[in-house]
Protein backbone atom coordinates (compact mmCIF):
# COMPACT_ATOMS: atom_id res chain seq x y z
CA MET A 1 -141.21 -98.36 14.53
CA LYS A 2 -140.51 -102.02 15.95
CA TYR A 3 -138.19 -104.14 13.99
CA ASN A 4 -138.67 -108.06 14.35
CA PHE A 5 -137.63 -111.32 12.69
CA ILE A 6 -140.32 -111.05 9.81
CA TYR A 7 -138.79 -107.41 9.09
CA TYR A 8 -134.86 -108.01 9.35
CA LEU A 9 -135.59 -111.56 6.99
CA GLY A 10 -137.93 -109.40 4.55
CA GLU A 11 -135.35 -106.58 4.43
CA TRP A 12 -131.87 -108.64 4.20
CA GLY A 13 -134.17 -111.82 2.05
CA PRO A 14 -132.88 -111.17 -1.46
CA CYS A 15 -128.93 -111.03 0.03
CA ILE A 16 -129.42 -114.15 1.58
CA LEU A 17 -130.85 -115.62 -1.44
CA ILE A 18 -127.98 -114.69 -3.38
CA PHE A 19 -125.54 -115.91 -1.10
CA VAL A 20 -127.11 -119.72 -0.90
CA GLY A 21 -127.79 -119.46 -4.10
CA MET A 22 -124.13 -118.89 -4.86
CA LEU A 23 -123.52 -121.95 -2.47
CA ALA A 24 -126.04 -124.10 -4.26
CA LEU A 25 -124.39 -123.40 -7.93
CA TYR A 26 -120.66 -123.21 -7.09
CA LYS A 27 -119.74 -126.63 -8.89
CA THR A 28 -121.14 -125.13 -11.88
CA PRO A 29 -119.08 -122.66 -12.62
CA THR A 30 -120.94 -121.39 -15.93
CA TYR A 31 -124.24 -121.42 -14.25
CA LEU A 32 -122.76 -119.56 -11.17
CA GLY A 33 -121.45 -117.01 -13.21
CA LEU A 34 -124.32 -116.26 -15.05
CA PHE A 35 -126.44 -116.49 -11.66
CA ALA A 36 -123.95 -113.43 -10.32
CA ALA A 37 -124.03 -111.89 -13.93
CA GLY A 38 -128.03 -112.21 -13.79
CA SER A 39 -128.29 -110.81 -10.40
CA VAL A 40 -126.30 -107.50 -10.85
CA LEU A 41 -128.23 -107.21 -14.20
CA ASN A 42 -131.54 -107.79 -12.55
CA LEU A 43 -130.63 -104.78 -10.31
CA LEU A 44 -129.76 -102.96 -13.16
CA ILE A 45 -133.28 -103.86 -14.94
CA ASN A 46 -134.44 -102.59 -11.47
CA TYR A 47 -133.27 -98.94 -11.47
CA ILE A 48 -133.90 -98.27 -15.22
CA LEU A 49 -137.44 -99.61 -14.72
CA LYS A 50 -138.39 -97.28 -11.43
CA GLY A 51 -136.74 -94.05 -13.33
CA ILE A 52 -138.94 -94.92 -16.11
CA LEU A 53 -142.22 -95.69 -14.49
CA LYS A 54 -141.71 -93.40 -11.72
CA HIS A 55 -144.03 -95.00 -9.32
CA PRO A 56 -144.13 -93.37 -5.92
CA ARG A 57 -144.11 -95.65 -2.87
CA PRO A 58 -147.12 -95.87 -0.63
CA ASN A 59 -144.67 -94.22 2.31
CA GLU A 60 -142.99 -91.78 0.24
CA LYS A 61 -142.28 -89.17 2.63
CA GLU A 62 -141.37 -91.46 5.49
CA HIS A 63 -139.18 -93.74 3.40
CA LEU A 64 -137.30 -90.78 1.81
CA ILE A 65 -136.57 -89.42 5.09
CA ASN A 66 -134.90 -92.95 6.41
CA LEU A 67 -132.98 -92.82 3.48
CA GLU A 68 -131.56 -89.70 3.39
CA GLN A 69 -130.42 -89.70 6.57
CA ARG A 70 -128.99 -93.36 5.80
CA TYR A 71 -127.26 -92.70 2.55
CA LYS A 72 -126.90 -88.46 2.71
CA GLU A 73 -124.46 -88.27 -0.16
CA ILE A 74 -126.43 -90.64 -2.72
CA LEU A 75 -130.08 -88.59 -4.35
CA ASN A 76 -133.17 -89.64 -5.31
CA PHE A 77 -132.05 -93.20 -4.07
CA GLY A 78 -134.76 -95.80 -3.65
CA ARG A 79 -137.41 -93.02 -4.66
CA TYR A 80 -139.67 -95.12 -6.54
CA GLY A 81 -141.44 -98.03 -5.87
CA MET A 82 -142.33 -99.71 -9.02
CA PRO A 83 -141.24 -102.60 -9.45
CA SER A 84 -140.36 -103.81 -6.11
CA GLY A 85 -136.32 -104.53 -6.41
CA HIS A 86 -136.27 -106.86 -3.16
CA THR A 87 -138.79 -109.17 -4.63
CA GLN A 88 -137.68 -108.80 -8.26
CA SER A 89 -134.45 -110.13 -6.50
CA ALA A 90 -135.95 -112.95 -4.62
CA ILE A 91 -137.79 -114.15 -7.17
CA PHE A 92 -134.53 -114.22 -9.70
CA SER A 93 -132.81 -116.38 -7.03
CA THR A 94 -135.51 -118.37 -6.43
CA ALA A 95 -136.12 -119.22 -10.21
CA PHE A 96 -132.98 -119.35 -11.88
CA VAL A 97 -131.62 -121.75 -8.83
CA PHE A 98 -134.73 -123.84 -9.28
CA MET A 99 -134.38 -124.14 -12.36
CA VAL A 100 -130.95 -125.19 -12.41
CA THR A 101 -130.66 -127.64 -9.68
CA ARG A 102 -134.57 -128.84 -9.70
CA ASN A 103 -134.25 -129.06 -5.77
CA VAL A 104 -137.00 -128.95 -3.96
CA ARG A 105 -135.98 -128.46 -0.59
CA LEU A 106 -133.90 -125.20 -1.86
CA LEU A 107 -137.32 -124.71 -3.64
CA VAL A 108 -139.19 -124.52 -0.31
CA LEU A 109 -136.64 -122.78 1.22
CA PHE A 110 -136.23 -120.05 -1.26
CA SER A 111 -140.15 -119.63 -1.57
CA SER A 112 -140.59 -119.20 2.09
CA ILE A 113 -137.98 -116.41 2.26
CA THR A 114 -139.50 -115.09 -0.73
CA LEU A 115 -142.91 -115.22 0.39
CA VAL A 116 -141.79 -113.17 3.79
CA THR A 117 -139.71 -110.67 1.96
CA MET A 118 -142.99 -110.03 -0.50
CA TYR A 119 -145.03 -109.96 2.85
CA GLN A 120 -142.81 -107.38 4.66
CA ARG A 121 -142.25 -104.99 1.74
CA VAL A 122 -146.32 -104.60 1.28
CA LYS A 123 -146.24 -104.54 5.47
CA GLU A 124 -143.93 -102.20 5.89
CA ASP A 125 -145.70 -100.08 3.25
CA PHE A 126 -142.40 -100.00 1.20
CA HIS A 127 -144.30 -101.05 -1.76
CA SER A 128 -147.86 -101.64 -2.83
CA ILE A 129 -148.95 -104.91 -3.87
CA ASN A 130 -149.08 -104.01 -6.97
CA GLN A 131 -145.20 -103.11 -7.08
CA VAL A 132 -144.51 -106.45 -5.65
CA VAL A 133 -146.68 -108.51 -7.90
CA MET A 134 -144.69 -106.27 -11.17
CA GLY A 135 -141.28 -107.01 -8.78
CA ALA A 136 -142.16 -110.59 -9.24
CA ALA A 137 -142.64 -110.93 -12.72
CA VAL A 138 -139.69 -109.05 -13.80
CA GLY A 139 -137.48 -111.05 -11.60
CA TYR A 140 -139.10 -114.30 -12.93
CA LEU A 141 -138.64 -113.00 -16.97
CA VAL A 142 -135.02 -112.40 -16.26
CA ALA A 143 -134.24 -115.59 -14.63
CA LEU A 144 -135.76 -117.36 -17.47
CA LEU A 145 -133.97 -115.63 -19.78
CA PHE A 146 -130.73 -115.85 -17.84
CA PHE A 147 -131.68 -119.70 -17.72
CA LEU A 148 -132.63 -119.94 -21.20
CA TYR A 149 -128.80 -118.51 -22.54
CA THR A 150 -126.87 -120.11 -19.92
CA ARG A 151 -128.28 -123.43 -21.29
CA LYS A 152 -127.93 -122.77 -25.23
CA THR A 153 -124.54 -121.63 -23.85
CA LEU A 154 -123.77 -124.94 -22.10
CA GLN A 155 -125.07 -126.62 -25.31
CA GLY A 156 -122.93 -124.83 -28.09
CA LYS A 157 -123.58 -125.33 -31.48
CA VAL A 158 -125.21 -128.85 -32.60
CA LYS A 159 -123.71 -130.00 -35.49
CA ALA A 160 -125.30 -133.03 -37.85
CA LYS A 161 -123.12 -135.99 -37.46
CA LEU A 162 -122.61 -138.50 -40.36
CA ASP A 163 -124.14 -142.14 -39.82
CA ASP A 164 -120.93 -144.33 -38.58
CA ASN A 165 -122.26 -146.75 -41.18
CA TYR A 166 -121.68 -143.85 -44.28
CA PHE A 167 -118.81 -144.79 -46.37
CA GLY A 168 -119.28 -142.18 -48.90
CA LEU A 169 -120.89 -143.98 -51.70
CA ILE A 170 -124.09 -142.59 -52.33
């Protein structure tokens, strides 16, 4: 198998996006903390969904042989492909960071890396198109829920304020 720039960018894209996302959010500690927690929870959700769905990868045998050689002590690591964890993580990072920063340049950078990651996962036969689409949907949903939770947490409880001109007569 010939490895090239697209392969490596797709393989390491989610890690790159998490690192750049943390750099982009370092001035907002609450968002940074929940981005880190969301990234971990997102991976856990992916692992659980793969165990529930048990949808095989397109190249199950070749992929398993490669994983077993690399991670002999971990049984069934990465055995299932639905949803794509790389795509889920990349979309989570892209969506969450954009919702927080609204920075279009970051969106273009993150989207480019995410699209390469998605393309690489299908091209290298690690995932089917359906598995990549499902990973994108789950990643976006987790990002949206974490963003809404974070925004609500930052807002705190909203209490009605008495009118400044109220003297308590009525």
